[in-house]
Amino acid sequence: MNKSNFAIFVDLENTGAKVETLNNVLEKVKIRGDILLGKVYGYTDNFSNLKETLLSNTFTVVPSLRYGISQKNNADIQLVLDAMEVAYTNPLINSFCIVSGDSDYTPLVGKLKSMGKYVLGISRSEVASKVFINACNEFQFLESVATRRTGSNKAKKSGQEDNGDEAQLVKLIESILDEKADGEEMFASELKGTLLRLRPDFDEKSYGCSTFFQLLTKLSKKHNTFKVWRDNYNVMIALSGDSSAKSSATLTKENWMNTFKEQLNRYKDDGFERINPSILKADITAQHPDFSEKAIGFKRFSDILKELEKQGILKLEMNDQKNLLVKML
């Protein structure tokens, strides 16, 4: 994938963004290219914890202004106007990221695509419109963005700081290879450029290495999740063949419920109240590639959800579009 120059527009009211979630969104975009312009809409004092992230990424903040009996937010039309102005006046920007799932933005997506712009949509599954999803060149659910690196992260935050920082770097490299290289090999020089977009203060010397190649070699031998080699004058890197295999136990009739409870708690910790069931199934399958409903005594995934609801672990609801949602309890 060639590097892109992004403008990113975030509808805070529709996304319910938290600091960690917004950072994960920015990481997702920065893996794909540079963010040349960013704006957030619907800002209120409720989002004051985002100030540091917004300032460090040079975002422009558009406050929430409401009017009329229904107290309608004017963020939608302002976002559309700003996006179109950027599309017409800034030739450097060839890609747009819209962090919202509102179907009202579908005509905007169509217009941007007709101008040759690439459109990445990101939204909570709870509010994502199928029309908007299908209109985008690429779409990601916020829940998947926030929890792709499954629960081991929080355990690593406590304990040795030096090892934790190294482990976080390894996770970041894995995420870049998984997203950008799509499982294929990647030039080490391109990887370093992406790392510097994500972490401008990155320096291999901070990890006791004089060159980036030396650092990659050290990490690959220690963690064994990616491999590094020389191809003539180029240094190449790729995920190890078994890097996708998780070291977690096989799901059985005895342990499956705890695994589902832990995953649902991760969504809650990331600030999500409801999710689409397909996201839950995808994350469980990512952790346990051999997962199947029959192996734990069910015919369909919906039967698993009903059992979890019966046990008081979640609640099943329908949204306005008649889509099934999982509410965390």
Protein backbone atom coordinates (compact mmCIF):
# COMPACT_ATOMS: atom_id res chain seq x y z
CA MET A 1 0.00 0.00 0.00
CA ASN A 2 1.45 3.40 -0.97
CA LYS A 3 1.65 6.10 1.66
CA SER A 4 -1.36 8.38 1.72
CA ASN A 5 -1.95 11.89 3.02
CA PHE A 6 -5.05 11.91 5.24
CA ALA A 7 -7.57 14.41 6.49
CA ILE A 8 -9.41 12.94 9.47
CA PHE A 9 -12.82 14.14 10.70
CA VAL A 10 -14.12 12.81 14.02
CA ASP A 11 -17.77 13.07 15.15
CA LEU A 12 -17.28 12.72 18.91
CA GLU A 13 -20.99 12.40 19.69
CA ASN A 14 -21.39 9.39 17.42
CA THR A 15 -18.18 7.68 18.48
CA GLY A 16 -18.16 8.33 22.23
CA ALA A 17 -14.37 8.47 21.99
CA LYS A 18 -12.06 7.78 24.91
CA VAL A 19 -8.35 8.60 24.94
CA GLU A 20 -7.23 5.03 24.27
CA THR A 21 -9.85 4.54 21.57
CA LEU A 22 -8.91 7.79 19.81
CA ASN A 23 -5.22 6.83 19.99
CA ASN A 24 -6.05 3.48 18.40
CA VAL A 25 -7.94 5.27 15.61
CA LEU A 26 -4.97 7.56 14.99
CA GLU A 27 -2.65 4.55 14.93
CA LYS A 28 -4.87 2.88 12.34
CA VAL A 29 -4.70 5.96 10.10
CA LYS A 30 -0.98 6.65 10.64
CA ILE A 31 -0.11 3.11 9.57
CA ARG A 32 -1.64 4.02 6.22
CA GLY A 33 -0.04 7.45 5.86
CA ASP A 34 0.47 10.94 7.25
CA ILE A 35 -2.33 12.92 8.89
CA LEU A 36 -2.05 16.40 7.38
CA LEU A 37 -5.27 17.75 8.87
CA GLY A 38 -7.58 16.70 11.69
CA LYS A 39 -10.83 18.06 13.10
CA VAL A 40 -13.15 16.89 15.85
CA TYR A 41 -16.80 17.91 16.07
CA GLY A 42 -19.24 18.09 18.96
CA TYR A 43 -16.55 18.84 21.53
CA THR A 44 -17.80 19.58 25.07
CA ASP A 45 -16.26 19.52 28.54
CA ASN A 46 -17.18 15.83 28.67
CA PHE A 47 -14.26 15.19 26.33
CA SER A 48 -11.68 17.27 28.21
CA ASN A 49 -9.60 14.13 28.81
CA LEU A 50 -8.85 14.13 25.06
CA LYS A 51 -7.07 17.49 25.16
CA GLU A 52 -3.52 16.14 25.23
CA THR A 53 -4.14 13.71 22.36
CA LEU A 54 -5.89 16.37 20.28
CA LEU A 55 -3.20 19.00 20.85
CA SER A 56 -0.29 16.64 20.21
CA ASN A 57 -1.87 15.64 16.90
CA THR A 58 -2.64 19.29 15.98
CA PHE A 59 -6.40 18.75 15.73
CA THR A 60 -8.78 21.65 15.30
CA VAL A 61 -11.69 21.45 17.75
CA VAL A 62 -15.23 22.43 16.70
CA PRO A 63 -17.43 22.85 19.81
CA SER A 64 -20.93 21.48 20.08
CA LEU A 65 -23.60 24.09 19.31
CA ARG A 66 -27.26 23.14 19.62
CA TYR A 67 -30.43 24.90 18.62
CA GLY A 68 -34.20 24.44 18.32
CA ILE A 69 -36.66 22.41 20.34
CA SER A 70 -34.97 19.13 19.46
CA GLN A 71 -31.53 20.55 20.38
CA LYS A 72 -30.09 19.31 17.10
CA ASN A 73 -26.32 19.24 16.85
CA ASN A 74 -24.90 21.17 13.85
CA ALA A 75 -21.77 19.00 13.68
CA ASP A 76 -23.01 16.90 10.74
CA ILE A 77 -23.36 19.72 8.23
CA GLN A 78 -20.17 21.43 9.47
CA LEU A 79 -18.18 18.23 8.96
CA VAL A 80 -19.50 17.88 5.40
CA LEU A 81 -18.70 21.50 4.54
CA ASP A 82 -15.18 21.25 5.95
CA ALA A 83 -14.46 17.96 4.18
CA MET A 84 -15.59 19.33 0.83
CA GLU A 85 -13.54 22.50 1.29
CA VAL A 86 -10.44 20.40 1.99
CA ALA A 87 -11.14 18.16 -1.01
CA TYR A 88 -11.35 21.15 -3.37
CA THR A 89 -8.59 23.35 -1.93
CA ASN A 90 -5.87 21.02 -0.63
CA PRO A 91 -4.33 18.94 -3.45
CA LEU A 92 -1.89 17.27 -1.04
CA ILE A 93 -4.68 15.31 0.65
CA ASN A 94 -5.72 12.20 -1.25
CA SER A 95 -7.40 10.22 1.55
CA PHE A 96 -10.13 10.96 4.07
CA CYS A 97 -10.99 9.22 7.34
CA ILE A 98 -14.50 9.83 8.69
CA VAL A 99 -14.94 8.59 12.25
CA SER A 100 -18.71 8.18 12.36
CA GLY A 101 -21.27 5.67 11.18
CA ASP A 102 -24.06 8.12 10.35
CA SER A 103 -25.77 7.43 7.02
CA ASP A 104 -26.06 11.21 6.55
CA TYR A 105 -22.40 11.17 5.49
CA THR A 106 -23.01 8.73 2.62
CA PRO A 107 -23.43 11.48 -0.05
CA LEU A 108 -20.17 13.03 1.18
CA VAL A 109 -18.39 9.69 0.76
CA GLY A 110 -19.79 9.37 -2.77
CA LYS A 111 -18.60 12.84 -3.72
CA LEU A 112 -15.12 12.28 -2.30
CA LYS A 113 -14.78 8.99 -4.17
CA SER A 114 -15.91 10.66 -7.42
CA MET A 115 -13.01 13.10 -6.94
CA GLY A 116 -10.57 10.20 -6.71
CA LYS A 117 -10.21 10.32 -2.92
CA TYR A 118 -9.81 7.22 -0.77
CA VAL A 119 -12.33 7.07 2.11
CA LEU A 120 -11.76 5.12 5.33
CA GLY A 121 -14.76 4.93 7.67
CA ILE A 122 -14.48 4.06 11.38
CA SER A 123 -17.43 3.78 13.77
CA ARG A 124 -18.96 1.97 16.71
CA SER A 125 -20.91 -1.04 15.47
CA GLU A 126 -23.85 0.13 17.57
CA VAL A 127 -24.46 3.19 15.37
CA ALA A 128 -22.87 2.15 12.07
CA SER A 129 -25.21 2.36 9.10
CA LYS A 130 -24.92 -0.41 6.51
CA VAL A 131 -25.36 2.20 3.79
CA PHE A 132 -22.38 4.20 5.09
CA ILE A 133 -20.29 1.05 5.58
CA ASN A 134 -20.82 -0.10 2.01
CA ALA A 135 -20.17 3.39 0.60
CA CYS A 136 -16.62 3.62 2.02
CA ASN A 137 -13.54 2.23 0.28
CA GLU A 138 -12.65 0.64 3.61
CA PHE A 139 -14.49 0.43 6.91
CA GLN A 140 -13.34 -0.55 10.41
CA PHE A 141 -15.39 -0.99 13.57
CA LEU A 142 -14.12 0.97 16.56
CA GLU A 143 -14.39 -2.11 18.76
CA SER A 144 -12.07 -4.04 16.45
CA VAL A 145 -9.65 -1.12 16.29
CA ALA A 146 -9.57 -0.88 20.08
CA THR A 147 -9.28 -4.59 20.94
CA ARG A 148 -7.29 -6.07 18.05
CA ARG A 149 -4.33 -6.43 20.36
CA THR A 150 -6.12 -8.72 22.80
CA GLY A 151 -6.07 -8.48 26.56
CA SER A 152 -2.37 -9.14 27.20
CA ASN A 153 -1.61 -5.42 26.89
CA LYS A 154 -3.07 -4.51 30.27
CA ALA A 155 -1.11 -7.18 32.04
CA LYS A 156 2.07 -5.81 30.54
CA LYS A 157 1.44 -2.31 31.76
CA SER A 158 2.27 -3.33 35.30
CA GLY A 159 5.69 -4.67 36.20
CA GLN A 160 8.99 -3.90 34.53
CA GLU A 161 8.81 -0.64 32.62
CA ASP A 162 11.75 -1.36 30.34
CA ASN A 163 10.38 -4.74 29.29
CA GLY A 164 6.91 -3.25 28.97
CA ASP A 165 8.13 -0.58 26.57
CA GLU A 166 9.91 -3.20 24.47
CA ALA A 167 6.82 -5.41 24.47
CA GLN A 168 4.69 -2.46 23.35
CA LEU A 169 7.12 -1.81 20.49
CA VAL A 170 6.89 -5.44 19.41
CA LYS A 171 3.08 -5.24 19.48
CA LEU A 172 3.21 -2.06 17.42
CA ILE A 173 5.49 -3.68 14.84
CA GLU A 174 3.15 -6.68 14.66
CA SER A 175 0.18 -4.35 14.14
CA ILE A 176 1.96 -2.50 11.32
CA LEU A 177 2.95 -5.73 9.58
CA ASP A 178 -0.55 -7.13 9.98
CA GLU A 179 -2.21 -3.99 8.60
CA LYS A 180 0.19 -2.60 6.06
CA ALA A 181 1.99 -5.65 4.75
CA ASP A 182 -1.20 -7.72 4.89
CA GLY A 183 0.80 -10.71 6.04
CA GLU A 184 3.47 -10.25 3.37
CA GLU A 185 7.07 -9.03 3.66
CA MET A 186 7.89 -5.35 4.08
CA PHE A 187 10.99 -3.18 3.68
CA ALA A 188 12.54 -2.36 7.07
CA SER A 189 13.03 1.24 5.90
CA GLU A 190 9.27 1.54 5.27
CA LEU A 191 8.57 0.03 8.68
CA LYS A 192 10.81 2.60 10.36
CA GLY A 193 9.07 5.44 8.51
CA THR A 194 5.71 4.17 9.76
CA LEU A 195 7.05 3.83 13.30
CA LEU A 196 8.23 7.45 13.23
CA ARG A 197 4.74 8.60 12.18
CA LEU A 198 3.26 6.70 15.12
CA ARG A 199 6.01 7.57 17.60
CA PRO A 200 8.02 10.63 16.53
CA ASP A 201 10.40 10.15 19.49
CA PHE A 202 11.31 6.61 18.40
CA ASP A 203 15.06 5.91 18.42
CA GLU A 204 16.69 2.48 18.24
CA LYS A 205 19.44 3.73 20.56
CA SER A 206 16.85 3.91 23.34
CA TYR A 207 16.75 0.10 23.16
CA GLY A 208 20.54 -0.27 23.28
CA CYS A 209 21.03 -0.74 19.52
CA SER A 210 23.13 1.33 17.13
CA THR A 211 21.08 0.50 13.99
CA PHE A 212 17.45 -0.30 13.22
CA PHE A 213 18.50 -3.64 11.72
CA GLN A 214 20.25 -4.55 14.97
CA LEU A 215 17.12 -3.70 16.95
CA LEU A 216 14.85 -5.75 14.66
CA THR A 217 17.22 -8.72 14.86
CA LYS A 218 17.30 -8.50 18.65
CA LEU A 219 13.50 -8.30 18.95
CA SER A 220 12.85 -11.10 16.44
CA LYS A 221 15.17 -13.49 18.32
CA LYS A 222 13.73 -12.55 21.71
CA HIS A 223 10.01 -12.55 20.87
CA ASN A 224 9.89 -14.80 17.77
CA THR A 225 6.77 -13.17 16.32
CA PHE A 226 8.40 -11.77 13.18
CA LYS A 227 11.47 -12.57 11.09
CA VAL A 228 14.15 -10.31 9.63
CA TRP A 229 16.54 -11.01 6.75
CA ARG A 230 18.70 -9.34 4.12
CA ASP A 231 17.71 -9.42 0.45
CA ASN A 232 20.72 -8.10 -1.47
CA TYR A 233 21.05 -4.55 -0.14
CA ASN A 234 17.58 -4.42 1.44
CA VAL A 235 16.48 -5.47 4.92
CA MET A 236 13.11 -7.24 4.88
CA ILE A 237 10.70 -8.09 7.68
CA ALA A 238 7.54 -10.22 7.90
CA LEU A 239 5.36 -11.85 10.50
CA SER A 240 6.44 -15.35 11.47
CA GLY A 241 4.39 -18.13 10.02
CA ASP A 242 2.99 -19.02 13.44
CA SER A 243 2.59 -15.44 14.69
CA SER A 244 -1.17 -15.57 14.37
CA ALA A 245 -1.43 -18.63 16.55
CA LYS A 246 -2.32 -17.63 20.07
CA SER A 247 -0.93 -19.55 23.03
CA SER A 248 -4.35 -19.71 24.63
CA ALA A 249 -6.11 -22.94 25.53
CA THR A 250 -8.68 -24.56 23.31
CA LEU A 251 -12.24 -23.55 24.14
CA THR A 252 -14.20 -26.34 25.81
CA LYS A 253 -17.60 -26.74 27.42
CA GLU A 254 -15.91 -26.01 30.75
CA ASN A 255 -13.94 -22.82 29.95
CA TRP A 256 -15.73 -21.08 27.07
CA MET A 257 -17.92 -18.85 29.25
CA ASN A 258 -15.00 -17.25 31.09
CA THR A 259 -13.32 -16.49 27.76
CA PHE A 260 -16.44 -14.73 26.50
CA LYS A 261 -16.79 -12.81 29.79
CA GLU A 262 -13.16 -11.61 29.56
CA GLN A 263 -13.66 -10.40 25.99
CA LEU A 264 -16.88 -8.57 26.89
CA ASN A 265 -15.08 -6.92 29.80
CA ARG A 266 -12.43 -5.64 27.39
CA TYR A 267 -15.13 -3.91 25.37
CA LYS A 268 -16.47 -2.34 28.58
CA ASP A 269 -12.98 -1.20 29.60
CA ASP A 270 -12.60 0.45 26.18
CA GLY A 271 -15.84 2.39 26.74
CA PHE A 272 -18.30 0.42 24.61
CA GLU A 273 -21.80 -0.30 25.90
CA ARG A 274 -23.07 -2.29 22.91
CA ILE A 275 -21.44 -4.15 20.03
CA ASN A 276 -22.42 -6.10 16.95
CA PRO A 277 -22.31 -9.89 17.62
CA SER A 278 -20.11 -10.39 14.54
CA ILE A 279 -17.32 -8.43 16.25
CA LEU A 280 -17.47 -10.64 19.33
CA LYS A 281 -17.29 -13.76 17.19
CA ALA A 282 -14.39 -12.38 15.14
CA ASP A 283 -12.38 -11.51 18.26
CA ILE A 284 -13.02 -14.90 19.86
CA THR A 285 -11.98 -16.63 16.64
CA ALA A 286 -8.83 -14.48 16.43
CA GLN A 287 -7.83 -15.67 19.90
CA HIS A 288 -8.93 -19.28 19.31
CA PRO A 289 -8.62 -20.19 15.59
CA ASP A 290 -10.11 -23.63 16.28
CA PHE A 291 -13.27 -22.14 17.82
CA SER A 292 -16.57 -23.66 16.72
CA GLU A 293 -20.04 -23.56 18.21
CA LYS A 294 -20.44 -27.33 18.10
CA ALA A 295 -17.23 -27.91 20.06
CA ILE A 296 -18.73 -26.16 23.09
CA GLY A 297 -22.19 -27.67 22.74
CA PHE A 298 -24.14 -25.18 20.58
CA LYS A 299 -25.56 -25.22 17.05
CA ARG A 300 -25.34 -21.50 16.28
CA PHE A 301 -23.53 -18.45 17.62
CA SER A 302 -26.91 -16.96 18.48
CA ASP A 303 -27.47 -19.90 20.85
CA ILE A 304 -24.24 -18.96 22.66
CA LEU A 305 -25.48 -15.38 23.02
CA LYS A 306 -28.81 -16.58 24.42
CA GLU A 307 -27.03 -18.71 27.00
CA LEU A 308 -24.84 -15.78 28.04
CA GLU A 309 -27.98 -13.65 28.37
CA LYS A 310 -29.59 -16.37 30.49
CA GLN A 311 -26.54 -16.29 32.78
CA GLY A 312 -26.82 -12.50 33.18
CA ILE A 313 -23.54 -11.78 31.38
CA LEU A 314 -25.04 -9.75 28.53
CA LYS A 315 -28.34 -8.52 27.15
CA LEU A 316 -29.55 -8.86 23.58
CA GLU A 317 -31.20 -5.80 22.01
CA MET A 318 -32.37 -4.60 18.60
CA ASN A 319 -31.42 -1.18 17.24
CA ASP A 320 -33.54 1.10 15.03
CA GLN A 321 -32.31 -0.74 11.94
CA LYS A 322 -33.52 -4.05 13.42
CA ASN A 323 -29.96 -5.29 13.87
CA LEU A 324 -29.10 -7.47 16.85
CA LEU A 325 -26.76 -5.86 19.39
CA VAL A 326 -24.97 -7.22 22.44
CA LYS A 327 -25.19 -4.99 25.53
CA MET A 328 -22.47 -5.52 28.14
CA LEU A 329 -23.70 -5.86 31.73
